[in-house]
Amino acid sequence: MNQVILVGRLCQDPEIINTDAERKRSIVTIAINRPFKNSEGIYETDFIRCVLWNNIALNTFEYCHSGDVVGIKGRLQTRNYEDEEKNKKFIMEVIAEKVTFLSSNTKNSEKESSD
């Protein structure tokens, strides 16, 4: 089973990328604070790349902004590519199946988006 549930803050405003006439995509990064301190007594933060498609991407773009808290349910996916120097690079990202808008600095809150 491949299922991920994350709750964190958007690091930037979502943007829409048109991949073709019918498919929309948004790539967002969410910041998630770790629940424990490191050896220096500091709470570290993980930054997770998430890919949103179609209605999920459009609704998140419309209702969410940098700093808003969102819940993302999805699956992990890996992919690879070659950089300019022909080195093979690997990326792990979350493919969102559902986004829940948990809190916002604006009047928009408690809105859900799913395909």
C-alpha atoms as a PDB file:
ATOM      1  CA  MET A   1       0.000   0.000   0.000  1.00  0.00           C
ATOM      2  CA  ASN A   2       1.309   3.428  -0.937  1.00  0.00           C
ATOM      3  CA  GLN A   3      -0.536   6.155   0.978  1.00  0.00           C
ATOM      4  CA  VAL A   4       0.736   9.401   2.478  1.00  0.00           C
ATOM      5  CA  ILE A   5      -1.074  11.931   4.665  1.00  0.00           C
ATOM      6  CA  LEU A   6       0.651  15.248   5.349  1.00  0.00           C
ATOM      7  CA  VAL A   7      -0.324  18.458   7.144  1.00  0.00           C
ATOM      8  CA  GLY A   8       1.824  21.529   6.623  1.00  0.00           C
ATOM      9  CA  ARG A   9       2.072  25.108   5.422  1.00  0.00           C
ATOM     10  CA  LEU A  10       2.315  26.108   1.762  1.00  0.00           C
ATOM     11  CA  CYS A  11       5.751  27.588   1.048  1.00  0.00           C
ATOM     12  CA  GLN A  12       4.526  29.678  -1.905  1.00  0.00           C
ATOM     13  CA  ASP A  13       1.328  30.622  -3.720  1.00  0.00           C
ATOM     14  CA  PRO A  14       0.205  27.763  -6.001  1.00  0.00           C
ATOM     15  CA  GLU A  15       0.622  28.319  -9.736  1.00  0.00           C
ATOM     16  CA  ILE A  16      -1.159  26.528 -12.574  1.00  0.00           C
ATOM     17  CA  ILE A  17       0.809  24.863 -15.366  1.00  0.00           C
ATOM     18  CA  ASN A  18      -1.119  23.927 -18.522  1.00  0.00           C
ATOM     19  CA  THR A  19       0.252  20.599 -19.710  1.00  0.00           C
ATOM     20  CA  ASP A  20      -2.216  20.349 -22.613  1.00  0.00           C
ATOM     21  CA  ALA A  21      -5.757  21.452 -23.475  1.00  0.00           C
ATOM     22  CA  GLU A  22      -7.426  19.366 -20.772  1.00  0.00           C
ATOM     23  CA  ARG A  23      -4.863  18.794 -18.013  1.00  0.00           C
ATOM     24  CA  LYS A  24      -3.808  21.331 -15.409  1.00  0.00           C
ATOM     25  CA  ARG A  25      -0.980  20.825 -12.924  1.00  0.00           C
ATOM     26  CA  SER A  26       0.375  22.625  -9.903  1.00  0.00           C
ATOM     27  CA  ILE A  27       3.540  21.805  -8.004  1.00  0.00           C
ATOM     28  CA  VAL A  28       3.616  23.036  -4.420  1.00  0.00           C
ATOM     29  CA  THR A  29       5.991  22.587  -1.523  1.00  0.00           C
ATOM     30  CA  ILE A  30       4.669  22.235   2.002  1.00  0.00           C
ATOM     31  CA  ALA A  31       6.710  22.826   5.153  1.00  0.00           C
ATOM     32  CA  ILE A  32       6.184  20.324   7.954  1.00  0.00           C
ATOM     33  CA  ASN A  33       7.754  20.895  11.351  1.00  0.00           C
ATOM     34  CA  ARG A  34       9.199  17.806  13.013  1.00  0.00           C
ATOM     35  CA  PRO A  35       7.643  17.050  16.432  1.00  0.00           C
ATOM     36  CA  PHE A  36      11.020  16.738  18.194  1.00  0.00           C
ATOM     37  CA  LYS A  37      14.179  18.792  18.664  1.00  0.00           C
ATOM     38  CA  ASN A  38      17.517  17.880  17.109  1.00  0.00           C
ATOM     39  CA  SER A  39      20.743  17.536  19.128  1.00  0.00           C
ATOM     40  CA  GLU A  40      21.084  21.348  19.205  1.00  0.00           C
ATOM     41  CA  GLY A  41      17.577  21.813  20.642  1.00  0.00           C
ATOM     42  CA  ILE A  42      16.040  23.094  17.372  1.00  0.00           C
ATOM     43  CA  TYR A  43      12.866  21.889  15.671  1.00  0.00           C
ATOM     44  CA  GLU A  44      13.769  21.049  12.071  1.00  0.00           C
ATOM     45  CA  THR A  45      11.409  21.402   9.105  1.00  0.00           C
ATOM     46  CA  ASP A  46      10.901  19.064   6.152  1.00  0.00           C
ATOM     47  CA  PHE A  47       9.952  20.526   2.773  1.00  0.00           C
ATOM     48  CA  ILE A  48       7.846  18.108   0.714  1.00  0.00           C
ATOM     49  CA  ARG A  49       7.178  18.525  -3.017  1.00  0.00           C
ATOM     50  CA  CYS A  50       3.557  17.735  -3.974  1.00  0.00           C
ATOM     51  CA  VAL A  51       2.022  17.500  -7.451  1.00  0.00           C
ATOM     52  CA  LEU A  52      -1.646  18.451  -7.865  1.00  0.00           C
ATOM     53  CA  TRP A  53      -3.673  17.708 -10.996  1.00  0.00           C
ATOM     54  CA  ASN A  54      -6.816  19.129 -12.638  1.00  0.00           C
ATOM     55  CA  ASN A  55      -9.600  20.134 -10.181  1.00  0.00           C
ATOM     56  CA  ILE A  56      -7.356  19.715  -7.145  1.00  0.00           C
ATOM     57  CA  ALA A  57      -4.802  22.047  -8.726  1.00  0.00           C
ATOM     58  CA  LEU A  58      -7.424  24.606  -9.801  1.00  0.00           C
ATOM     59  CA  ASN A  59      -9.171  24.726  -6.400  1.00  0.00           C
ATOM     60  CA  THR A  60      -5.898  24.975  -4.507  1.00  0.00           C
ATOM     61  CA  PHE A  61      -4.768  27.763  -6.840  1.00  0.00           C
ATOM     62  CA  GLU A  62      -8.037  29.644  -6.254  1.00  0.00           C
ATOM     63  CA  TYR A  63      -8.365  29.259  -2.480  1.00  0.00           C
ATOM     64  CA  CYS A  64      -4.858  28.817  -1.018  1.00  0.00           C
ATOM     65  CA  HIS A  65      -1.895  31.111  -0.541  1.00  0.00           C
ATOM     66  CA  SER A  66       1.580  30.991   0.923  1.00  0.00           C
ATOM     67  CA  GLY A  67       1.451  30.227   4.654  1.00  0.00           C
ATOM     68  CA  ASP A  68      -1.950  28.488   4.592  1.00  0.00           C
ATOM     69  CA  VAL A  69      -2.181  25.136   6.370  1.00  0.00           C
ATOM     70  CA  VAL A  70      -3.302  22.276   4.121  1.00  0.00           C
ATOM     71  CA  GLY A  71      -3.766  18.543   4.509  1.00  0.00           C
ATOM     72  CA  ILE A  72      -2.690  16.411   1.560  1.00  0.00           C
ATOM     73  CA  LYS A  73      -3.597  12.773   1.038  1.00  0.00           C
ATOM     74  CA  GLY A  74      -1.863  11.013  -1.815  1.00  0.00           C
ATOM     75  CA  ARG A  75       0.827   8.573  -2.835  1.00  0.00           C
ATOM     76  CA  LEU A  76       4.607   8.674  -3.139  1.00  0.00           C
ATOM     77  CA  GLN A  77       6.066   8.517  -6.611  1.00  0.00           C
ATOM     78  CA  THR A  78       9.648   8.432  -7.810  1.00  0.00           C
ATOM     79  CA  ARG A  79      10.924   9.438 -11.209  1.00  0.00           C
ATOM     80  CA  ASN A  80      14.289  10.113 -12.767  1.00  0.00           C
ATOM     81  CA  TYR A  81      15.871  12.286 -15.414  1.00  0.00           C
ATOM     82  CA  GLU A  82      19.303  13.242 -16.750  1.00  0.00           C
ATOM     83  CA  ASP A  83      20.736  16.671 -15.996  1.00  0.00           C
ATOM     84  CA  GLU A  84      22.854  18.766 -18.379  1.00  0.00           C
ATOM     85  CA  GLU A  85      25.997  16.762 -17.495  1.00  0.00           C
ATOM     86  CA  LYS A  86      24.200  13.442 -18.214  1.00  0.00           C
ATOM     87  CA  ASN A  87      24.013  12.571 -14.494  1.00  0.00           C
ATOM     88  CA  LYS A  88      20.967  10.541 -13.531  1.00  0.00           C
ATOM     89  CA  LYS A  89      18.827  12.362 -10.921  1.00  0.00           C
ATOM     90  CA  PHE A  90      15.966  10.938  -8.879  1.00  0.00           C
ATOM     91  CA  ILE A  91      12.968  12.824  -7.510  1.00  0.00           C
ATOM     92  CA  MET A  92      10.489  11.635  -4.905  1.00  0.00           C
ATOM     93  CA  GLU A  93       7.218  13.542  -4.721  1.00  0.00           C
ATOM     94  CA  VAL A  94       3.681  13.174  -3.426  1.00  0.00           C
ATOM     95  CA  ILE A  95       0.920  12.881  -6.037  1.00  0.00           C
ATOM     96  CA  ALA A  96      -2.100  14.441  -4.335  1.00  0.00           C
ATOM     97  CA  GLU A  97      -5.439  12.631  -4.419  1.00  0.00           C
ATOM     98  CA  LYS A  98      -7.132  15.031  -1.995  1.00  0.00           C
ATOM     99  CA  VAL A  99      -6.299  18.448  -0.533  1.00  0.00           C
ATOM    100  CA  THR A 100      -8.066  19.806   2.542  1.00  0.00           C
ATOM    101  CA  PHE A 101      -7.775  23.525   3.238  1.00  0.00           C
ATOM    102  CA  LEU A 102      -7.359  23.689   7.036  1.00  0.00           C
ATOM    103  CA  SER A 103      -6.555  27.307   7.869  1.00  0.00           C
ATOM    104  CA  SER A 104      -5.926  30.469   5.998  1.00  0.00           C
ATOM    105  CA  ASN A 105      -4.781  34.002   6.678  1.00  0.00           C
ATOM    106  CA  THR A 106      -7.741  35.126   4.560  1.00  0.00           C
ATOM    107  CA  LYS A 107     -11.489  34.520   4.795  1.00  0.00           C
ATOM    108  CA  ASN A 108     -11.261  31.223   2.809  1.00  0.00           C
ATOM    109  CA  SER A 109     -11.055  28.174   5.081  1.00  0.00           C
ATOM    110  CA  GLU A 110     -12.365  24.645   5.597  1.00  0.00           C
ATOM    111  CA  LYS A 111     -12.766  23.978   1.839  1.00  0.00           C
ATOM    112  CA  GLU A 112     -11.947  20.557   0.376  1.00  0.00           C
ATOM    113  CA  SER A 113     -10.764  19.625  -3.083  1.00  0.00           C
ATOM    114  CA  SER A 114     -10.644  16.195  -4.695  1.00  0.00           C
ATOM    115  CA  ASP A 115     -10.937  14.776  -8.180  1.00  0.00           C
END
